[in-house]
Amino acid sequence: MAPTIAVSSAQPQRPVKAAEEIRDEGDEEVALRRRNEDLEEELRKSQEREERMRRELERAWERLRVVEEAEERLCSQLGELEAEAMDQARHYNDRIVSLMNQLSQAHRLLHPVPN
């Protein structure tokens, strides 16, 4: 048998990524980019909803302010009407008492009490 010599490759071995691994990393990057875009879209929609809700809340506060002012005006008017009604009731009562006195006087004149 003849002697044999083993020859090793002198080049350092570096990890060689298989095309499949590169494709997987590329797919993962694409998936992450899509996920990022989806999240950014959700964030944008959420911010738009938040802005709409803020504007709606501001409109509700404005309506509440207007209603409260109207309530104050109505309460004031009601108080004035109650005071006026009480004044009219007093005048009406005074007029009734006056008419009763006149009627009494007329009755005494028409039907004098005998002595």
PDB file of N, CA and C in Angstrom:
ATOM      1  N   MET A   1       0.794  -1.152   0.000  1.00  0.00           N
ATOM      2  CA  MET A   1       0.000   0.000   0.000  1.00  0.00           C
ATOM      3  C   MET A   1       0.852   1.236   0.000  1.00  0.00           C
ATOM      4  N   ALA A   2       0.404   2.192  -0.743  1.00  0.00           N
ATOM      5  CA  ALA A   2       1.172   3.422  -0.891  1.00  0.00           C
ATOM      6  C   ALA A   2       0.747   4.411   0.170  1.00  0.00           C
ATOM      7  N   PRO A   3       1.728   5.171   0.617  1.00  0.00           N
ATOM      8  CA  PRO A   3       1.352   6.150   1.619  1.00  0.00           C
ATOM      9  C   PRO A   3       0.402   7.188   1.027  1.00  0.00           C
ATOM     10  N   THR A   4      -0.542   7.647   1.887  1.00  0.00           N
ATOM     11  CA  THR A   4      -1.501   8.666   1.444  1.00  0.00           C
ATOM     12  C   THR A   4      -1.307   9.934   2.263  1.00  0.00           C
ATOM     13  N   ILE A   5      -1.567  11.013   1.659  1.00  0.00           N
ATOM     14  CA  ILE A   5      -1.423  12.305   2.322  1.00  0.00           C
ATOM     15  C   ILE A   5      -2.807  12.963   2.335  1.00  0.00           C
ATOM     16  N   ALA A   6      -3.134  13.430   3.505  1.00  0.00           N
ATOM     17  CA  ALA A   6      -4.426  14.123   3.625  1.00  0.00           C
ATOM     18  C   ALA A   6      -4.189  15.605   3.430  1.00  0.00           C
ATOM     19  N   VAL A   7      -4.972  16.224   2.630  1.00  0.00           N
ATOM     20  CA  VAL A   7      -4.851  17.658   2.363  1.00  0.00           C
ATOM     21  C   VAL A   7      -6.088  18.340   2.944  1.00  0.00           C
ATOM     22  N   SER A   8      -5.825  19.301   3.793  1.00  0.00           N
ATOM     23  CA  SER A   8      -6.961  20.042   4.348  1.00  0.00           C
ATOM     24  C   SER A   8      -7.052  21.376   3.648  1.00  0.00           C
ATOM     25  N   SER A   9      -8.183  21.894   3.635  1.00  0.00           N
ATOM     26  CA  SER A   9      -8.362  23.171   2.957  1.00  0.00           C
ATOM     27  C   SER A   9      -7.770  24.256   3.823  1.00  0.00           C
ATOM     28  N   ALA A  10      -7.044  25.157   3.241  1.00  0.00           N
ATOM     29  CA  ALA A  10      -6.361  26.213   3.968  1.00  0.00           C
ATOM     30  C   ALA A  10      -7.283  27.401   4.234  1.00  0.00           C
ATOM     31  N   GLN A  11      -8.409  27.437   3.625  1.00  0.00           N
ATOM     32  CA  GLN A  11      -9.325  28.550   3.819  1.00  0.00           C
ATOM     33  C   GLN A  11     -10.064  28.380   5.144  1.00  0.00           C
ATOM     34  N   PRO A  12     -10.138  29.502   5.922  1.00  0.00           N
ATOM     35  CA  PRO A  12     -10.891  29.385   7.169  1.00  0.00           C
ATOM     36  C   PRO A  12     -12.365  29.179   6.856  1.00  0.00           C
ATOM     37  N   GLN A  13     -12.967  28.375   7.632  1.00  0.00           N
ATOM     38  CA  GLN A  13     -14.391  28.126   7.386  1.00  0.00           C
ATOM     39  C   GLN A  13     -15.221  29.187   8.106  1.00  0.00           C
ATOM     40  N   ARG A  14     -16.035  29.845   7.378  1.00  0.00           N
ATOM     41  CA  ARG A  14     -16.959  30.803   7.975  1.00  0.00           C
ATOM     42  C   ARG A  14     -18.361  30.265   7.761  1.00  0.00           C
ATOM     43  N   PRO A  15     -19.222  30.672   8.670  1.00  0.00           N
ATOM     44  CA  PRO A  15     -20.560  30.131   8.526  1.00  0.00           C
ATOM     45  C   PRO A  15     -21.197  30.667   7.252  1.00  0.00           C
ATOM     46  N   VAL A  16     -21.689  29.839   6.499  1.00  0.00           N
ATOM     47  CA  VAL A  16     -22.367  30.207   5.261  1.00  0.00           C
ATOM     48  C   VAL A  16     -23.852  30.013   5.509  1.00  0.00           C
ATOM     49  N   LYS A  17     -24.560  31.088   5.344  1.00  0.00           N
ATOM     50  CA  LYS A  17     -25.994  31.001   5.562  1.00  0.00           C
ATOM     51  C   LYS A  17     -26.630  30.413   4.329  1.00  0.00           C
ATOM     52  N   ALA A  18     -27.449  29.523   4.588  1.00  0.00           N
ATOM     53  CA  ALA A  18     -28.146  28.888   3.479  1.00  0.00           C
ATOM     54  C   ALA A  18     -29.163  29.882   2.934  1.00  0.00           C
ATOM     55  N   ALA A  19     -29.497  29.751   1.709  1.00  0.00           N
ATOM     56  CA  ALA A  19     -30.457  30.633   1.062  1.00  0.00           C
ATOM     57  C   ALA A  19     -31.778  30.605   1.805  1.00  0.00           C
ATOM     58  N   GLU A  20     -32.110  29.463   2.342  1.00  0.00           N
ATOM     59  CA  GLU A  20     -33.360  29.332   3.087  1.00  0.00           C
ATOM     60  C   GLU A  20     -33.336  30.191   4.344  1.00  0.00           C
ATOM     61  N   GLU A  21     -32.181  30.209   5.052  1.00  0.00           N
ATOM     62  CA  GLU A  21     -32.064  31.032   6.247  1.00  0.00           C
ATOM     63  C   GLU A  21     -32.179  32.512   5.895  1.00  0.00           C
ATOM     64  N   ILE A  22     -31.552  32.912   4.813  1.00  0.00           N
ATOM     65  CA  ILE A  22     -31.613  34.306   4.381  1.00  0.00           C
ATOM     66  C   ILE A  22     -33.051  34.671   4.022  1.00  0.00           C
ATOM     67  N   ARG A  23     -33.710  33.771   3.328  1.00  0.00           N
ATOM     68  CA  ARG A  23     -35.107  34.002   2.953  1.00  0.00           C
ATOM     69  C   ARG A  23     -35.973  34.124   4.207  1.00  0.00           C
ATOM     70  N   ASP A  24     -35.733  33.255   5.203  1.00  0.00           N
ATOM     71  CA  ASP A  24     -36.494  33.303   6.454  1.00  0.00           C
ATOM     72  C   ASP A  24     -36.288  34.642   7.162  1.00  0.00           C
ATOM     73  N   GLU A  25     -35.029  35.095   7.194  1.00  0.00           N
ATOM     74  CA  GLU A  25     -34.762  36.383   7.820  1.00  0.00           C
ATOM     75  C   GLU A  25     -35.443  37.511   7.051  1.00  0.00           C
ATOM     76  N   GLY A  26     -35.427  37.425   5.733  1.00  0.00           N
ATOM     77  CA  GLY A  26     -36.095  38.429   4.892  1.00  0.00           C
ATOM     78  C   GLY A  26     -37.591  38.405   5.120  1.00  0.00           C
ATOM     79  N   ASP A  27     -38.165  37.207   5.219  1.00  0.00           N
ATOM     80  CA  ASP A  27     -39.599  37.078   5.477  1.00  0.00           C
ATOM     81  C   ASP A  27     -39.941  37.654   6.857  1.00  0.00           C
ATOM     82  N   GLU A  28     -39.067  37.380   7.827  1.00  0.00           N
ATOM     83  CA  GLU A  28     -39.299  37.879   9.176  1.00  0.00           C
ATOM     84  C   GLU A  28     -39.253  39.412   9.177  1.00  0.00           C
ATOM     85  N   GLU A  29     -38.295  39.961   8.442  1.00  0.00           N
ATOM     86  CA  GLU A  29     -38.187  41.419   8.364  1.00  0.00           C
ATOM     87  C   GLU A  29     -39.427  42.007   7.706  1.00  0.00           C
ATOM     88  N   VAL A  30     -39.889  41.380   6.639  1.00  0.00           N
ATOM     89  CA  VAL A  30     -41.099  41.849   5.952  1.00  0.00           C
ATOM     90  C   VAL A  30     -42.295  41.753   6.896  1.00  0.00           C
ATOM     91  N   ALA A  31     -42.369  40.645   7.632  1.00  0.00           N
ATOM     92  CA  ALA A  31     -43.473  40.465   8.571  1.00  0.00           C
ATOM     93  C   ALA A  31     -43.411  41.527   9.661  1.00  0.00           C
ATOM     94  N   LEU A  32     -42.205  41.811  10.159  1.00  0.00           N
ATOM     95  CA  LEU A  32     -42.070  42.846  11.185  1.00  0.00           C
ATOM     96  C   LEU A  32     -42.437  44.216  10.641  1.00  0.00           C
ATOM     97  N   ARG A  33     -42.035  44.485   9.413  1.00  0.00           N
ATOM     98  CA  ARG A  33     -42.398  45.773   8.798  1.00  0.00           C
ATOM     99  C   ARG A  33     -43.918  45.892   8.655  1.00  0.00           C
ATOM    100  N   ARG A  34     -44.549  44.794   8.194  1.00  0.00           N
ATOM    101  CA  ARG A  34     -46.013  44.813   8.056  1.00  0.00           C
ATOM    102  C   ARG A  34     -46.671  45.018   9.419  1.00  0.00           C
ATOM    103  N   ARG A  35     -46.168  44.299  10.407  1.00  0.00           N
ATOM    104  CA  ARG A  35     -46.719  44.426  11.757  1.00  0.00           C
ATOM    105  C   ARG A  35     -46.544  45.864  12.252  1.00  0.00           C
ATOM    106  N   ASN A  36     -45.388  46.451  11.994  1.00  0.00           N
ATOM    107  CA  ASN A  36     -45.130  47.834  12.381  1.00  0.00           C
ATOM    108  C   ASN A  36     -46.106  48.780  11.672  1.00  0.00           C
ATOM    109  N   GLU A  37     -46.320  48.553  10.381  1.00  0.00           N
ATOM    110  CA  GLU A  37     -47.264  49.388   9.637  1.00  0.00           C
ATOM    111  C   GLU A  37     -48.678  49.236  10.205  1.00  0.00           C
ATOM    112  N   ASP A  38     -49.047  47.986  10.528  1.00  0.00           N
ATOM    113  CA  ASP A  38     -50.369  47.749  11.118  1.00  0.00           C
ATOM    114  C   ASP A  38     -50.513  48.486  12.449  1.00  0.00           C
ATOM    115  N   LEU A  39     -49.473  48.406  13.267  1.00  0.00           N
ATOM    116  CA  LEU A  39     -49.513  49.083  14.570  1.00  0.00           C
ATOM    117  C   LEU A  39     -49.579  50.600  14.398  1.00  0.00           C
ATOM    118  N   GLU A  40     -48.820  51.116  13.418  1.00  0.00           N
ATOM    119  CA  GLU A  40     -48.859  52.560  13.164  1.00  0.00           C
ATOM    120  C   GLU A  40     -50.255  52.980  12.694  1.00  0.00           C
ATOM    121  N   GLU A  41     -50.891  52.146  11.863  1.00  0.00           N
ATOM    122  CA  GLU A  41     -52.243  52.432  11.382  1.00  0.00           C
ATOM    123  C   GLU A  41     -53.235  52.402  12.550  1.00  0.00           C
ATOM    124  N   GLU A  42     -53.106  51.410  13.415  1.00  0.00           N
ATOM    125  CA  GLU A  42     -53.969  51.330  14.596  1.00  0.00           C
ATOM    126  C   GLU A  42     -53.772  52.561  15.487  1.00  0.00           C
ATOM    127  N   LEU A  43     -52.527  52.972  15.660  1.00  0.00           N
ATOM    128  CA  LEU A  43     -52.229  54.156  16.455  1.00  0.00           C
ATOM    129  C   LEU A  43     -52.871  55.393  15.839  1.00  0.00           C
ATOM    130  N   ARG A  44     -52.743  55.540  14.531  1.00  0.00           N
ATOM    131  CA  ARG A  44     -53.336  56.684  13.840  1.00  0.00           C
ATOM    132  C   ARG A  44     -54.852  56.697  14.026  1.00  0.00           C
ATOM    133  N   LYS A  45     -55.482  55.544  13.847  1.00  0.00           N
ATOM    134  CA  LYS A  45     -56.938  55.462  14.022  1.00  0.00           C
ATOM    135  C   LYS A  45     -57.329  55.765  15.465  1.00  0.00           C
ATOM    136  N   SER A  46     -56.541  55.257  16.390  1.00  0.00           N
ATOM    137  CA  SER A  46     -56.811  55.506  17.807  1.00  0.00           C
ATOM    138  C   SER A  46     -56.694  56.997  18.116  1.00  0.00           C
ATOM    139  N   GLN A  47     -55.695  57.641  17.569  1.00  0.00           N
ATOM    140  CA  GLN A  47     -55.523  59.084  17.786  1.00  0.00           C
ATOM    141  C   GLN A  47     -56.673  59.863  17.162  1.00  0.00           C
ATOM    142  N   GLU A  48     -57.142  59.419  15.985  1.00  0.00           N
ATOM    143  CA  GLU A  48     -58.279  60.074  15.351  1.00  0.00           C
ATOM    144  C   GLU A  48     -59.531  59.911  16.209  1.00  0.00           C
ATOM    145  N   ARG A  49     -59.756  58.680  16.741  1.00  0.00           N
ATOM    146  CA  ARG A  49     -60.902  58.447  17.623  1.00  0.00           C
ATOM    147  C   ARG A  49     -60.802  59.323  18.870  1.00  0.00           C
ATOM    148  N   GLU A  50     -59.602  59.388  19.424  1.00  0.00           N
ATOM    149  CA  GLU A  50     -59.386  60.209  20.615  1.00  0.00           C
ATOM    150  C   GLU A  50     -59.704  61.672  20.321  1.00  0.00           C
ATOM    151  N   GLU A  51     -59.270  62.163  19.176  1.00  0.00           N
ATOM    152  CA  GLU A  51     -59.530  63.553  18.797  1.00  0.00           C
ATOM    153  C   GLU A  51     -61.032  63.787  18.606  1.00  0.00           C
ATOM    154  N   ARG A  52     -61.711  62.831  17.943  1.00  0.00           N
ATOM    155  CA  ARG A  52     -63.168  62.959  17.764  1.00  0.00           C
ATOM    156  C   ARG A  52     -63.864  62.990  19.119  1.00  0.00           C
ATOM    157  N   MET A  53     -63.462  62.109  20.012  1.00  0.00           N
ATOM    158  CA  MET A  53     -64.068  62.043  21.342  1.00  0.00           C
ATOM    159  C   MET A  53     -63.789  63.334  22.119  1.00  0.00           C
ATOM    160  N   ARG A  54     -62.581  63.895  21.974  1.00  0.00           N
ATOM    161  CA  ARG A  54     -62.249  65.145  22.642  1.00  0.00           C
ATOM    162  C   ARG A  54     -63.150  66.279  22.139  1.00  0.00           C
ATOM    163  N   ARG A  55     -63.328  66.338  20.809  1.00  0.00           N
ATOM    164  CA  ARG A  55     -64.201  67.371  20.240  1.00  0.00           C
ATOM    165  C   ARG A  55     -65.651  67.167  20.700  1.00  0.00           C
ATOM    166  N   GLU A  56     -66.090  65.913  20.728  1.00  0.00           N
ATOM    167  CA  GLU A  56     -67.445  65.619  21.185  1.00  0.00           C
ATOM    168  C   GLU A  56     -67.616  66.011  22.657  1.00  0.00           C
ATOM    169  N   LEU A  57     -66.603  65.737  23.459  1.00  0.00           N
ATOM    170  CA  LEU A  57     -66.647  66.114  24.873  1.00  0.00           C
ATOM    171  C   LEU A  57     -66.705  67.635  25.020  1.00  0.00           C
ATOM    172  N   GLU A  58     -65.934  68.344  24.212  1.00  0.00           N
ATOM    173  CA  GLU A  58     -65.959  69.809  24.257  1.00  0.00           C
ATOM    174  C   GLU A  58     -67.346  70.330  23.885  1.00  0.00           C
ATOM    175  N   ARG A  59     -67.961  69.716  22.853  1.00  0.00           N
ATOM    176  CA  ARG A  59     -69.313  70.146  22.465  1.00  0.00           C
ATOM    177  C   ARG A  59     -70.303  69.859  23.593  1.00  0.00           C
ATOM    178  N   ALA A  60     -70.149  68.707  24.239  1.00  0.00           N
ATOM    179  CA  ALA A  60     -71.041  68.362  25.352  1.00  0.00           C
ATOM    180  C   ALA A  60     -70.873  69.352  26.501  1.00  0.00           C
ATOM    181  N   TRP A  61     -69.622  69.725  26.799  1.00  0.00           N
ATOM    182  CA  TRP A  61     -69.379  70.707  27.868  1.00  0.00           C
ATOM    183  C   TRP A  61     -70.026  72.044  27.502  1.00  0.00           C
ATOM    184  N   GLU A  62     -69.928  72.430  26.233  1.00  0.00           N
ATOM    185  CA  GLU A  62     -70.525  73.694  25.793  1.00  0.00           C
ATOM    186  C   GLU A  62     -72.050  73.631  25.919  1.00  0.00           C
ATOM    187  N   ARG A  63     -72.636  72.496  25.503  1.00  0.00           N
ATOM    188  CA  ARG A  63     -74.087  72.350  25.646  1.00  0.00           C
ATOM    189  C   ARG A  63     -74.485  72.395  27.119  1.00  0.00           C
ATOM    190  N   LEU A  64     -73.695  71.752  27.962  1.00  0.00           N
ATOM    191  CA  LEU A  64     -73.972  71.762  29.397  1.00  0.00           C
ATOM    192  C   LEU A  64     -73.921  73.182  29.948  1.00  0.00           C
ATOM    193  N   ARG A  65     -72.922  73.945  29.520  1.00  0.00           N
ATOM    194  CA  ARG A  65     -72.807  75.329  29.977  1.00  0.00           C
ATOM    195  C   ARG A  65     -74.030  76.133  29.557  1.00  0.00           C
ATOM    196  N   VAL A  66     -74.468  75.964  28.308  1.00  0.00           N
ATOM    197  CA  VAL A  66     -75.636  76.678  27.803  1.00  0.00           C
ATOM    198  C   VAL A  66     -76.883  76.274  28.593  1.00  0.00           C
ATOM    199  N   VAL A  67     -77.023  74.977  28.853  1.00  0.00           N
ATOM    200  CA  VAL A  67     -78.186  74.488  29.599  1.00  0.00           C
ATOM    201  C   VAL A  67     -78.177  75.039  31.026  1.00  0.00           C
ATOM    202  N   GLU A  68     -77.007  75.072  31.645  1.00  0.00           N
ATOM    203  CA  GLU A  68     -76.927  75.609  33.003  1.00  0.00           C
ATOM    204  C   GLU A  68     -77.291  77.090  33.038  1.00  0.00           C
ATOM    205  N   GLU A  69     -76.838  77.838  32.040  1.00  0.00           N
ATOM    206  CA  GLU A  69     -77.202  79.257  31.969  1.00  0.00           C
ATOM    207  C   GLU A  69     -78.704  79.413  31.777  1.00  0.00           C
ATOM    208  N   ALA A  70     -79.278  78.568  30.922  1.00  0.00           N
ATOM    209  CA  ALA A  70     -80.720  78.623  30.695  1.00  0.00           C
ATOM    210  C   ALA A  70     -81.467  78.268  31.979  1.00  0.00           C
ATOM    211  N   GLU A  71     -80.976  77.274  32.705  1.00  0.00           N
ATOM    212  CA  GLU A  71     -81.599  76.891  33.969  1.00  0.00           C
ATOM    213  C   GLU A  71     -81.565  78.065  34.954  1.00  0.00           C
ATOM    214  N   GLU A  72     -80.440  78.748  35.028  1.00  0.00           N
ATOM    215  CA  GLU A  72     -80.334  79.900  35.925  1.00  0.00           C
ATOM    216  C   GLU A  72     -81.324  80.994  35.535  1.00  0.00           C
ATOM    217  N   ARG A  73     -81.442  81.253  34.223  1.00  0.00           N
ATOM    218  CA  ARG A  73     -82.399  82.274  33.767  1.00  0.00           C
ATOM    219  C   ARG A  73     -83.830  81.853  34.115  1.00  0.00           C
ATOM    220  N   LEU A  74     -84.137  80.573  33.874  1.00  0.00           N
ATOM    221  CA  LEU A  74     -85.489  80.089  34.172  1.00  0.00           C
ATOM    222  C   LEU A  74     -85.792  80.161  35.663  1.00  0.00           C
ATOM    223  N   CYS A  75     -84.814  79.799  36.492  1.00  0.00           N
ATOM    224  CA  CYS A  75     -85.019  79.880  37.944  1.00  0.00           C
ATOM    225  C   CYS A  75     -85.259  81.321  38.367  1.00  0.00           C
ATOM    226  N   SER A  76     -84.506  82.223  37.782  1.00  0.00           N
ATOM    227  CA  SER A  76     -84.683  83.644  38.097  1.00  0.00           C
ATOM    228  C   SER A  76     -86.069  84.115  37.674  1.00  0.00           C
ATOM    229  N   GLN A  77     -86.472  83.744  36.464  1.00  0.00           N
ATOM    230  CA  GLN A  77     -87.793  84.128  35.972  1.00  0.00           C
ATOM    231  C   GLN A  77     -88.890  83.513  36.834  1.00  0.00           C
ATOM    232  N   LEU A  78     -88.688  82.260  37.223  1.00  0.00           N
ATOM    233  CA  LEU A  78     -89.681  81.593  38.075  1.00  0.00           C
ATOM    234  C   LEU A  78     -89.807  82.318  39.416  1.00  0.00           C
ATOM    235  N   GLY A  79     -88.678  82.706  39.977  1.00  0.00           N
ATOM    236  CA  GLY A  79     -88.713  83.459  41.230  1.00  0.00           C
ATOM    237  C   GLY A  79     -89.466  84.761  41.077  1.00  0.00           C
ATOM    238  N   GLU A  80     -89.217  85.462  39.966  1.00  0.00           N
ATOM    239  CA  GLU A  80     -89.919  86.718  39.714  1.00  0.00           C
ATOM    240  C   GLU A  80     -91.417  86.481  39.554  1.00  0.00           C
ATOM    241  N   LEU A  81     -91.782  85.400  38.839  1.00  0.00           N
ATOM    242  CA  LEU A  81     -93.202  85.093  38.647  1.00  0.00           C
ATOM    243  C   LEU A  81     -93.870  84.707  39.966  1.00  0.00           C
ATOM    244  N   GLU A  82     -93.155  83.970  40.805  1.00  0.00           N
ATOM    245  CA  GLU A  82     -93.718  83.615  42.111  1.00  0.00           C
ATOM    246  C   GLU A  82     -93.951  84.858  42.962  1.00  0.00           C
ATOM    247  N   ALA A  83     -92.989  85.775  42.930  1.00  0.00           N
ATOM    248  CA  ALA A  83     -93.144  87.020  43.689  1.00  0.00           C
ATOM    249  C   ALA A  83     -94.328  87.821  43.145  1.00  0.00           C
ATOM    250  N   GLU A  84     -94.458  87.879  41.831  1.00  0.00           N
ATOM    251  CA  GLU A  84     -95.575  88.600  41.215  1.00  0.00           C
ATOM    252  C   GLU A  84     -96.905  87.925  41.557  1.00  0.00           C
ATOM    253  N   ALA A  85     -96.928  86.598  41.545  1.00  0.00           N
ATOM    254  CA  ALA A  85     -98.154  85.870  41.876  1.00  0.00           C
ATOM    255  C   ALA A  85     -98.557  86.127  43.327  1.00  0.00           C
ATOM    256  N   MET A  86     -97.578  86.139  44.232  1.00  0.00           N
ATOM    257  CA  MET A  86     -97.881  86.426  45.639  1.00  0.00           C
ATOM    258  C   MET A  86     -98.425  87.844  45.787  1.00  0.00           C
ATOM    259  N   ASP A  87     -97.848  88.789  45.076  1.00  0.00           N
ATOM    260  CA  ASP A  87     -98.307  90.174  45.135  1.00  0.00           C
ATOM    261  C   ASP A  87     -99.747  90.272  44.621  1.00  0.00           C
ATOM    262  N   GLN A  88    -100.022  89.597  43.498  1.00  0.00           N
ATOM    263  CA  GLN A  88    -101.383  89.604  42.948  1.00  0.00           C
ATOM    264  C   GLN A  88    -102.362  88.942  43.916  1.00  0.00           C
ATOM    265  N   ALA A  89    -101.941  87.858  44.558  1.00  0.00           N
ATOM    266  CA  ALA A  89    -102.811  87.167  45.515  1.00  0.00           C
ATOM    267  C   ALA A  89    -103.136  88.080  46.687  1.00  0.00           C
ATOM    268  N   ARG A  90    -102.137  88.834  47.175  1.00  0.00           N
ATOM    269  CA  ARG A  90    -102.387  89.781  48.268  1.00  0.00           C
ATOM    270  C   ARG A  90    -103.390  90.854  47.842  1.00  0.00           C
ATOM    271  N   HIS A  91    -103.177  91.395  46.638  1.00  0.00           N
ATOM    272  CA  HIS A  91    -104.097  92.430  46.130  1.00  0.00           C
ATOM    273  C   HIS A  91    -105.507  91.854  45.965  1.00  0.00           C
ATOM    274  N   TYR A  92    -105.588  90.647  45.445  1.00  0.00           N
ATOM    275  CA  TYR A  92    -106.882  89.996  45.253  1.00  0.00           C
ATOM    276  C   TYR A  92    -107.572  89.797  46.600  1.00  0.00           C
ATOM    277  N   ASN A  93    -106.816  89.325  47.593  1.00  0.00           N
ATOM    278  CA  ASN A  93    -107.369  89.110  48.933  1.00  0.00           C
ATOM    279  C   ASN A  93    -107.841  90.444  49.537  1.00  0.00           C
ATOM    280  N   ASP A  94    -107.007  91.485  49.377  1.00  0.00           N
ATOM    281  CA  ASP A  94    -107.398  92.813  49.876  1.00  0.00           C
ATOM    282  C   ASP A  94    -108.688  93.285  49.198  1.00  0.00           C
ATOM    283  N   ARG A  95    -108.809  93.060  47.915  1.00  0.00           N
ATOM    284  CA  ARG A  95    -110.019  93.471  47.170  1.00  0.00           C
ATOM    285  C   ARG A  95    -111.236  92.700  47.669  1.00  0.00           C
ATOM    286  N   ILE A  96    -111.070  91.397  47.924  1.00  0.00           N
ATOM    287  CA  ILE A  96    -112.179  90.583  48.436  1.00  0.00           C
ATOM    288  C   ILE A  96    -112.621  91.101  49.815  1.00  0.00           C
ATOM    289  N   VAL A  97    -111.659  91.384  50.687  1.00  0.00           N
ATOM    290  CA  VAL A  97    -111.985  91.912  52.016  1.00  0.00           C
ATOM    291  C   VAL A  97    -112.718  93.245  51.876  1.00  0.00           C
ATOM    292  N   SER A  98    -112.251  94.101  50.970  1.00  0.00           N
ATOM    293  CA  SER A  98    -112.882  95.405  50.750  1.00  0.00           C
ATOM    294  C   SER A  98    -114.316  95.220  50.249  1.00  0.00           C
ATOM    295  N   LEU A  99    -114.521  94.321  49.297  1.00  0.00           N
ATOM    296  CA  LEU A  99    -115.864  94.078  48.759  1.00  0.00           C
ATOM    297  C   LEU A  99    -116.777  93.487  49.827  1.00  0.00           C
ATOM    298  N   MET A 100    -116.235  92.609  50.690  1.00  0.00           N
ATOM    299  CA  MET A 100    -117.040  92.035  51.762  1.00  0.00           C
ATOM    300  C   MET A 100    -117.467  93.131  52.748  1.00  0.00           C
ATOM    301  N   ASN A 101    -116.552  94.034  53.028  1.00  0.00           N
ATOM    302  CA  ASN A 101    -116.899  95.158  53.923  1.00  0.00           C
ATOM    303  C   ASN A 101    -117.989  96.035  53.310  1.00  0.00           C
ATOM    304  N   GLN A 102    -117.869  96.318  52.014  1.00  0.00           N
ATOM    305  CA  GLN A 102    -118.880  97.134  51.327  1.00  0.00           C
ATOM    306  C   GLN A 102    -120.237  96.420  51.343  1.00  0.00           C
ATOM    307  N   LEU A 103    -120.223  95.111  51.101  1.00  0.00           N
ATOM    308  CA  LEU A 103    -121.453  94.333  51.097  1.00  0.00           C
ATOM    309  C   LEU A 103    -122.094  94.335  52.488  1.00  0.00           C
ATOM    310  N   SER A 104    -121.253  94.202  53.490  1.00  0.00           N
ATOM    311  CA  SER A 104    -121.740  94.229  54.868  1.00  0.00           C
ATOM    312  C   SER A 104    -122.387  95.576  55.176  1.00  0.00           C
ATOM    313  N   GLN A 105    -121.729  96.628  54.762  1.00  0.00           N
ATOM    314  CA  GLN A 105    -122.240  97.978  54.996  1.00  0.00           C
ATOM    315  C   GLN A 105    -123.565  98.163  54.269  1.00  0.00           C
ATOM    316  N   ALA A 106    -123.625  97.711  53.024  1.00  0.00           N
ATOM    317  CA  ALA A 106    -124.865  97.836  52.250  1.00  0.00           C
ATOM    318  C   ALA A 106    -125.967  97.021  52.911  1.00  0.00           C
ATOM    319  N   HIS A 107    -125.652  95.864  53.412  1.00  0.00           N
ATOM    320  CA  HIS A 107    -126.635  95.014  54.070  1.00  0.00           C
ATOM    321  C   HIS A 107    -127.163  95.693  55.323  1.00  0.00           C
ATOM    322  N   ARG A 108    -126.284  96.308  56.101  1.00  0.00           N
ATOM    323  CA  ARG A 108    -126.716  97.021  57.321  1.00  0.00           C
ATOM    324  C   ARG A 108    -127.617  98.208  56.967  1.00  0.00           C
ATOM    325  N   LEU A 109    -127.309  98.879  55.859  1.00  0.00           N
ATOM    326  CA  LEU A 109    -128.139 100.026  55.453  1.00  0.00           C
ATOM    327  C   LEU A 109    -129.516  99.554  54.991  1.00  0.00           C
ATOM    328  N   LEU A 110    -129.554  98.433  54.293  1.00  0.00           N
ATOM    329  CA  LEU A 110    -130.832  97.949  53.783  1.00  0.00           C
ATOM    330  C   LEU A 110    -131.650  97.246  54.870  1.00  0.00           C
ATOM    331  N   HIS A 111    -131.008  96.639  55.801  1.00  0.00           N
ATOM    332  CA  HIS A 111    -131.712  95.907  56.858  1.00  0.00           C
ATOM    333  C   HIS A 111    -131.226  96.413  58.212  1.00  0.00           C
ATOM    334  N   PRO A 112    -131.747  97.542  58.629  1.00  0.00           N
ATOM    335  CA  PRO A 112    -131.282  98.074  59.909  1.00  0.00           C
ATOM    336  C   PRO A 112    -131.822  97.209  61.070  1.00  0.00           C
ATOM    337  N   VAL A 113    -131.040  97.161  62.142  1.00  0.00           N
ATOM    338  CA  VAL A 113    -131.418  96.397  63.318  1.00  0.00           C
ATOM    339  C   VAL A 113    -132.379  97.279  64.133  1.00  0.00           C
ATOM    340  N   PRO A 114    -133.578  96.767  64.505  1.00  0.00           N
ATOM    341  CA  PRO A 114    -134.512  97.585  65.277  1.00  0.00           C
ATOM    342  C   PRO A 114    -134.036  97.780  66.719  1.00  0.00           C
ATOM    343  N   ASN A 115    -134.233  98.949  67.242  1.00  0.00           N
ATOM    344  CA  ASN A 115    -133.882  99.269  68.639  1.00  0.00           C
ATOM    345  C   ASN A 115    -135.021  99.033  69.536  1.00  0.00           C
TER     346      ASN A 115
END
